[in-house]
Amino acid sequence: MIGRFFRKLFGGGTPAPQAKAEHAFVAVAVEYTRGPVNAIVAEEVEDRFYRLLLGVAPSAEPAMSATEQVAIRRVRDAFGAERFDVSTLPRLPSVVPQLMRSLRNDDTNSRMLAEQISRDTVLVGEIIRVANSAYFRTARPVTGLPQAITLLGQNGLRRVVMQLVMRPILRTDTDPTSRAAGDRLWEHAERCARTCVFLSRPAADPFEAFLAGLVSQTGAQTLLMELDAAGLAQESLSRPFIAAVGQQIERLSLHAARHWHFPSRVVQALAERADPADAGARTPLGRALLASSRVAMLDVLVENGLADPESVLLATPTQGFSQERLLAARDELRAPAAAEA
């Protein structure tokens, strides 16, 4: 829920104890000032996360099968080119672009924002609900939209709007498999957005960091449906195939951000993450997004019993963050939360 995410943005919930993972990660002992930690390589984190989305078991197969090669060519033909059919992408509500422009304009006042938002009754209800959540602890209930807008502020308002928009894009109810994948994708989006804000400080704009993290997996559901049509549900999928799927999801998410005319720095960060020829993300936001996506994946895996709770993403030069910083990002996700609204 959006109110829960606001609390997590400023202090994450402590996860319940998890069952021991059925399949152990390949871990490396790394000495750190607070003692040894289980550091896991990024490739292993991504492999396990995408297998969780697809509902397939681990595999040590080093090469793609003929069926996988056909499937990945089909995906690349459909989504790999710059001029693919944008009608396959989810559509943003018409109020969002206009509202985003207004929120970036310092001359826009609360009355003008309320007038724009009032055209969407669902958005009005959600903004008032968040303003009444435990995080804001108002002395009296918030009943009007102008009061809620003043309380949330521009950054808070933008976050509410984008979460309300992105949640149904990631969480679909077409079938049980898509629904389960959507739940994991939304868990990742919440964590990635929050971690991206944390890791990009103070170099990047907080809302742009939040937005980059929130939209980092928007291509997943479209691509998962394409794979389902290819009939790979019962296959034992190879590691190279899973890696290729992850790469295509990143590229499709980049296409979506461009199509939606998101801020240029957000698009650039997504482009850096999606470029396999790039030796490492170049901009501060690009580096933060790359690391945040993997930190968030690992946290989702821990929550689903697929990694040890003490594990942490292994720091590498291409990610641009020390082991200490990545450990701090992990711990920030698990900071105590305010009481549920």
Protein backbone atom coordinates (compact mmCIF):
# COMPACT_ATOMS: atom_id res chain seq x y z
CA MET A 1 0.00 0.00 0.00
CA ILE A 2 1.14 3.54 -0.67
CA GLY A 3 0.94 4.58 2.98
CA ARG A 4 3.19 1.65 3.85
CA PHE A 5 5.67 2.73 1.21
CA PHE A 6 5.90 6.23 2.65
CA ARG A 7 6.87 4.73 5.98
CA LYS A 8 9.36 2.46 4.25
CA LEU A 9 10.90 5.41 2.39
CA PHE A 10 11.90 6.93 5.73
CA GLY A 11 12.24 3.72 7.74
CA GLY A 12 11.67 0.17 6.49
CA GLY A 13 9.85 -2.67 8.19
CA THR A 14 11.69 -5.46 10.00
CA PRO A 15 11.09 -8.64 8.01
CA ALA A 16 9.59 -11.65 9.66
CA PRO A 17 11.90 -14.65 10.18
CA GLN A 18 12.27 -16.54 6.94
CA ALA A 19 12.51 -20.21 6.24
CA LYS A 20 15.91 -21.54 5.26
CA ALA A 21 16.43 -21.20 1.51
CA GLU A 22 15.97 -24.38 -0.43
CA HIS A 23 18.83 -23.48 -2.75
CA ALA A 24 21.91 -21.78 -1.32
CA PHE A 25 23.51 -18.83 -3.06
CA VAL A 26 27.15 -18.85 -4.08
CA ALA A 27 28.53 -16.61 -1.33
CA VAL A 28 31.94 -15.05 -0.69
CA ALA A 29 33.22 -14.15 2.78
CA VAL A 30 34.18 -10.47 2.81
CA GLU A 31 35.92 -8.88 5.77
CA TYR A 32 34.31 -5.61 6.87
CA THR A 33 34.70 -3.36 9.89
CA ARG A 34 31.53 -4.79 11.47
CA GLY A 35 32.70 -8.34 10.89
CA PRO A 36 32.38 -10.88 8.05
CA VAL A 37 29.29 -10.78 5.86
CA ASN A 38 27.95 -13.09 3.16
CA ALA A 39 28.47 -11.08 -0.01
CA ILE A 40 26.71 -12.38 -3.12
CA VAL A 41 27.71 -11.58 -6.68
CA ALA A 42 25.26 -9.49 -8.71
CA GLU A 43 24.84 -12.15 -11.43
CA GLU A 44 23.66 -14.68 -8.87
CA VAL A 45 21.20 -12.23 -7.33
CA GLU A 46 19.70 -11.42 -10.74
CA ASP A 47 19.52 -15.08 -11.77
CA ARG A 48 17.60 -16.02 -8.60
CA PHE A 49 15.30 -13.00 -8.78
CA TYR A 50 14.20 -13.60 -12.36
CA ARG A 51 13.71 -17.30 -11.63
CA LEU A 52 11.44 -16.27 -8.78
CA LEU A 53 9.41 -14.14 -11.22
CA LEU A 54 9.20 -16.94 -13.78
CA GLY A 55 8.53 -19.63 -11.19
CA VAL A 56 11.35 -21.89 -12.40
CA ALA A 57 13.98 -23.84 -10.49
CA PRO A 58 17.72 -23.06 -10.35
CA SER A 59 19.90 -24.44 -13.12
CA ALA A 60 23.62 -24.78 -13.76
CA GLU A 61 23.11 -25.28 -17.51
CA PRO A 62 25.86 -23.19 -19.17
CA ALA A 63 24.26 -22.79 -22.62
CA MET A 64 20.84 -22.02 -24.08
CA SER A 65 18.78 -24.82 -25.53
CA ALA A 66 17.43 -24.59 -29.07
CA THR A 67 13.99 -23.73 -27.64
CA GLU A 68 15.47 -20.93 -25.55
CA GLN A 69 17.33 -19.52 -28.52
CA VAL A 70 14.10 -19.35 -30.50
CA ALA A 71 12.29 -17.72 -27.57
CA ILE A 72 14.92 -15.06 -26.98
CA ARG A 73 15.01 -14.21 -30.69
CA ARG A 74 11.24 -13.81 -30.57
CA VAL A 75 11.57 -11.44 -27.61
CA ARG A 76 14.33 -9.43 -29.25
CA ASP A 77 12.37 -9.15 -32.48
CA ALA A 78 9.32 -7.92 -30.58
CA PHE A 79 11.01 -5.53 -28.15
CA GLY A 80 14.69 -5.19 -28.96
CA ALA A 81 14.57 -2.58 -31.70
CA GLU A 82 14.20 1.13 -31.02
CA ARG A 83 11.12 1.26 -33.25
CA PHE A 84 9.03 -1.45 -31.67
CA ASP A 85 5.25 -1.15 -31.33
CA VAL A 86 4.71 1.25 -28.40
CA SER A 87 1.08 0.11 -28.16
CA THR A 88 2.40 -2.93 -26.26
CA LEU A 89 3.44 -0.61 -23.41
CA PRO A 90 1.05 0.29 -20.59
CA ARG A 91 -0.55 3.72 -20.90
CA LEU A 92 -0.16 6.40 -18.26
CA PRO A 93 -3.34 8.19 -17.15
CA SER A 94 -3.66 11.50 -18.99
CA VAL A 95 -3.51 13.49 -15.76
CA VAL A 96 0.03 12.29 -14.96
CA PRO A 97 2.14 14.17 -17.56
CA GLN A 98 0.29 17.42 -16.88
CA LEU A 99 0.59 16.93 -13.14
CA MET A 100 4.30 16.14 -13.38
CA ARG A 101 4.89 19.36 -15.32
CA SER A 102 2.97 21.35 -12.73
CA LEU A 103 4.88 19.79 -9.85
CA ARG A 104 8.20 20.79 -11.43
CA ASN A 105 7.01 24.38 -11.82
CA ASP A 106 7.75 26.50 -8.75
CA ASP A 107 4.97 28.92 -9.73
CA THR A 108 2.27 26.25 -9.38
CA ASN A 109 0.23 26.73 -6.21
CA SER A 110 -1.85 24.27 -4.19
CA ARG A 111 -5.11 25.53 -5.68
CA MET A 112 -3.93 24.79 -9.24
CA LEU A 113 -2.70 21.33 -8.22
CA ALA A 114 -5.97 20.56 -6.47
CA GLU A 115 -7.88 21.55 -9.62
CA GLN A 116 -5.83 19.14 -11.75
CA ILE A 117 -5.96 16.25 -9.27
CA SER A 118 -9.69 16.62 -8.65
CA ARG A 119 -10.33 15.29 -12.17
CA ASP A 120 -9.29 11.82 -10.96
CA THR A 121 -11.43 10.65 -8.02
CA VAL A 122 -9.20 7.62 -7.32
CA LEU A 123 -6.15 9.87 -7.05
CA VAL A 124 -8.01 12.26 -4.74
CA GLY A 125 -8.96 9.42 -2.40
CA GLU A 126 -5.45 8.01 -2.32
CA ILE A 127 -3.82 11.38 -1.57
CA ILE A 128 -6.22 12.05 1.32
CA ARG A 129 -5.70 8.50 2.63
CA VAL A 130 -1.90 8.89 2.66
CA ALA A 131 -2.19 12.29 4.33
CA ASN A 132 -4.17 10.58 7.12
CA SER A 133 -1.64 7.74 7.54
CA ALA A 134 0.34 7.18 10.72
CA TYR A 135 3.48 8.61 9.13
CA PHE A 136 2.12 12.19 9.12
CA ARG A 137 0.45 11.94 12.55
CA THR A 138 -1.93 14.86 12.05
CA ALA A 139 -3.80 16.22 15.06
CA ARG A 140 -7.07 16.21 13.11
CA PRO A 141 -8.22 14.09 10.19
CA VAL A 142 -7.46 15.50 6.76
CA THR A 143 -10.72 15.81 4.84
CA GLY A 144 -9.93 18.16 1.95
CA LEU A 145 -7.61 17.89 -1.03
CA PRO A 146 -5.87 21.30 -0.57
CA GLN A 147 -5.02 20.40 3.03
CA ALA A 148 -3.64 17.03 1.94
CA ILE A 149 -1.52 18.61 -0.79
CA THR A 150 -0.04 21.11 1.67
CA LEU A 151 0.74 18.34 4.15
CA LEU A 152 2.43 16.04 1.63
CA GLY A 153 4.43 18.73 -0.12
CA GLN A 154 5.53 18.52 -3.73
CA ASN A 155 7.89 15.56 -3.33
CA GLY A 156 5.38 13.59 -1.31
CA LEU A 157 2.62 14.35 -3.78
CA ARG A 158 4.71 13.25 -6.74
CA ARG A 159 5.52 9.98 -5.00
CA VAL A 160 1.88 9.26 -4.27
CA VAL A 161 0.92 9.97 -7.88
CA MET A 162 3.62 7.76 -9.37
CA GLN A 163 3.01 4.86 -7.00
CA LEU A 164 -0.68 4.92 -7.79
CA VAL A 165 0.15 4.87 -11.51
CA MET A 166 2.89 2.22 -11.43
CA ARG A 167 1.29 -0.29 -9.07
CA PRO A 168 -1.31 -1.63 -11.56
CA ILE A 169 1.31 -1.68 -14.33
CA LEU A 170 3.47 -4.06 -12.30
CA ARG A 171 0.67 -5.97 -10.55
CA THR A 172 -1.68 -7.67 -12.98
CA ASP A 173 -4.43 -10.20 -12.29
CA THR A 174 -4.55 -11.96 -15.65
CA ASP A 175 -3.67 -15.33 -14.07
CA PRO A 176 -2.13 -16.72 -10.86
CA THR A 177 1.40 -16.73 -12.31
CA SER A 178 1.21 -13.10 -13.44
CA ARG A 179 -0.33 -12.13 -10.12
CA ALA A 180 2.50 -13.75 -8.15
CA ALA A 181 5.11 -12.17 -10.40
CA GLY A 182 3.38 -8.80 -10.03
CA ASP A 183 3.54 -9.01 -6.25
CA ARG A 184 7.30 -9.64 -6.41
CA LEU A 185 7.76 -6.81 -8.94
CA TRP A 186 5.93 -4.34 -6.72
CA GLU A 187 8.00 -5.45 -3.72
CA HIS A 188 11.10 -4.80 -5.81
CA ALA A 189 9.86 -1.41 -7.05
CA GLU A 190 9.22 -0.15 -3.51
CA ARG A 191 12.63 -1.27 -2.30
CA CYS A 192 14.49 -0.11 -5.40
CA ALA A 193 12.96 3.38 -5.23
CA ARG A 194 13.84 3.78 -1.60
CA THR A 195 17.38 2.42 -2.00
CA CYS A 196 18.01 4.57 -5.06
CA VAL A 197 17.17 7.68 -3.04
CA PHE A 198 19.53 6.49 -0.30
CA LEU A 199 22.48 5.59 -2.55
CA SER A 200 22.22 8.63 -4.83
CA ARG A 201 22.44 11.19 -2.02
CA PRO A 202 23.52 13.95 -2.33
CA ALA A 203 24.44 13.83 -6.02
CA ALA A 204 20.99 13.24 -7.55
CA ASP A 205 17.55 14.80 -7.24
CA PRO A 206 15.63 12.69 -4.67
CA PHE A 207 12.45 12.47 -6.72
CA GLU A 208 14.30 11.51 -9.90
CA ALA A 209 16.09 8.80 -7.92
CA PHE A 210 12.76 7.63 -6.53
CA LEU A 211 11.22 7.59 -10.01
CA ALA A 212 14.15 5.70 -11.58
CA GLY A 213 13.87 2.98 -8.96
CA LEU A 214 10.10 2.76 -9.16
CA VAL A 215 10.02 2.26 -12.96
CA SER A 216 13.09 0.04 -13.22
CA GLN A 217 11.06 -3.13 -13.92
CA THR A 218 8.11 -1.71 -15.89
CA GLY A 219 8.93 -3.89 -18.88
CA ALA A 220 8.71 -7.13 -16.92
CA GLN A 221 5.02 -8.03 -17.21
CA THR A 222 4.90 -7.39 -20.96
CA LEU A 223 7.94 -9.59 -21.51
CA LEU A 224 6.75 -12.33 -19.14
CA MET A 225 3.53 -12.61 -21.13
CA GLU A 226 5.58 -13.00 -24.31
CA LEU A 227 7.61 -15.79 -22.71
CA ASP A 228 4.44 -17.50 -21.54
CA ALA A 229 3.17 -17.47 -25.12
CA ALA A 230 6.44 -19.15 -26.16
CA GLY A 231 5.59 -22.15 -23.96
CA LEU A 232 8.63 -22.14 -21.69
CA ALA A 233 6.80 -22.49 -18.38
CA GLN A 234 7.86 -26.09 -17.79
CA GLU A 235 11.39 -25.74 -19.14
CA SER A 236 14.52 -25.95 -16.98
CA LEU A 237 15.86 -22.60 -18.09
CA SER A 238 19.59 -22.02 -18.48
CA ARG A 239 21.52 -19.26 -16.77
CA PRO A 240 22.37 -17.50 -20.07
CA PHE A 241 18.69 -17.46 -20.98
CA ILE A 242 17.69 -15.95 -17.63
CA ALA A 243 20.42 -13.30 -18.02
CA ALA A 244 19.11 -12.47 -21.51
CA VAL A 245 15.56 -12.13 -20.13
CA GLY A 246 16.79 -9.70 -17.47
CA GLN A 247 18.59 -7.65 -20.10
CA GLN A 248 15.48 -7.44 -22.26
CA ILE A 249 13.35 -6.36 -19.28
CA GLU A 250 15.82 -3.54 -18.63
CA ARG A 251 15.68 -2.44 -22.27
CA LEU A 252 11.89 -2.55 -22.37
CA SER A 253 11.75 -0.50 -19.16
CA LEU A 254 13.98 2.06 -20.88
CA HIS A 255 11.62 2.15 -23.88
CA ALA A 256 8.71 2.79 -21.52
CA ALA A 257 10.46 5.68 -19.75
CA ARG A 258 11.26 7.29 -23.10
CA HIS A 259 7.72 6.78 -24.37
CA TRP A 260 6.30 8.36 -21.21
CA HIS A 261 8.69 11.36 -21.54
CA PHE A 262 10.21 10.88 -18.10
CA PRO A 263 12.96 13.29 -16.95
CA SER A 264 16.12 13.03 -19.03
CA ARG A 265 18.32 12.01 -16.11
CA VAL A 266 15.96 9.14 -15.27
CA VAL A 267 16.04 7.96 -18.89
CA GLN A 268 19.84 8.26 -18.93
CA ALA A 269 20.15 6.15 -15.77
CA LEU A 270 17.92 3.45 -17.25
CA ALA A 271 19.93 3.55 -20.49
CA GLU A 272 23.19 3.07 -18.62
CA ARG A 273 21.81 0.08 -16.75
CA ALA A 274 20.43 -1.50 -19.93
CA ASP A 275 23.63 -1.13 -21.98
CA PRO A 276 25.60 -4.40 -21.79
CA ALA A 277 28.56 -2.87 -23.63
CA ASP A 278 28.96 -0.21 -20.94
CA ALA A 279 31.78 -0.99 -18.51
CA GLY A 280 29.79 0.65 -15.73
CA ALA A 281 27.13 3.28 -15.18
CA ARG A 282 28.57 6.75 -15.72
CA THR A 283 26.23 9.17 -13.95
CA PRO A 284 25.61 9.23 -10.17
CA LEU A 285 21.98 8.28 -10.70
CA GLY A 286 22.94 5.50 -13.12
CA ARG A 287 25.35 4.00 -10.61
CA ALA A 288 22.78 4.26 -7.83
CA LEU A 289 20.08 2.62 -9.94
CA LEU A 290 22.30 -0.30 -10.94
CA ALA A 291 23.24 -1.07 -7.34
CA SER A 292 19.76 -0.32 -5.95
CA SER A 293 18.06 -2.71 -8.35
CA ARG A 294 20.29 -5.54 -7.14
CA VAL A 295 20.03 -4.62 -3.45
CA ALA A 296 16.24 -4.62 -3.83
CA MET A 297 16.28 -7.97 -5.65
CA LEU A 298 18.28 -9.52 -2.83
CA ASP A 299 15.91 -8.14 -0.21
CA VAL A 300 12.93 -9.67 -2.06
CA LEU A 301 14.77 -12.98 -2.21
CA VAL A 302 15.42 -12.85 1.54
CA GLU A 303 11.75 -12.13 2.18
CA ASN A 304 10.82 -15.16 0.08
CA GLY A 305 13.27 -17.45 1.85
CA LEU A 306 15.71 -17.67 -1.07
CA ALA A 307 18.72 -16.02 0.58
CA ASP A 308 20.22 -15.81 4.03
CA PRO A 309 18.99 -12.72 5.92
CA GLU A 310 22.61 -11.69 6.57
CA SER A 311 23.58 -11.70 2.90
CA VAL A 312 24.59 -8.49 1.12
CA LEU A 313 25.38 -7.55 -2.47
CA LEU A 314 29.08 -7.93 -3.27
CA ALA A 315 30.72 -4.58 -3.98
CA THR A 316 32.57 -4.24 -7.30
CA PRO A 317 34.35 -1.31 -8.99
CA THR A 318 31.74 -1.14 -11.77
CA GLN A 319 28.94 -0.60 -9.24
CA GLY A 320 30.85 2.29 -7.70
CA PHE A 321 29.89 1.67 -4.05
CA SER A 322 31.95 0.30 -1.18
CA GLN A 323 30.93 -2.81 0.71
CA GLU A 324 30.22 -0.56 3.68
CA ARG A 325 27.80 1.57 1.65
CA LEU A 326 25.96 -1.46 0.25
CA LEU A 327 25.65 -2.93 3.73
CA ALA A 328 24.24 0.38 4.94
CA ALA A 329 21.70 0.32 2.08
CA ARG A 330 20.63 -3.18 3.08
CA ASP A 331 20.26 -2.18 6.71
CA GLU A 332 18.32 0.97 5.77
CA LEU A 333 15.72 -1.20 4.07
CA ARG A 334 15.26 -3.08 7.33
CA ALA A 335 15.11 -0.09 9.68
CA PRO A 336 12.19 -0.15 12.13
CA ALA A 337 8.92 1.16 10.69
CA ALA A 338 6.25 3.34 12.17
CA ALA A 339 3.06 1.58 13.23
CA GLU A 340 0.78 0.50 10.39
CA ALA A 341 -1.96 2.93 9.44
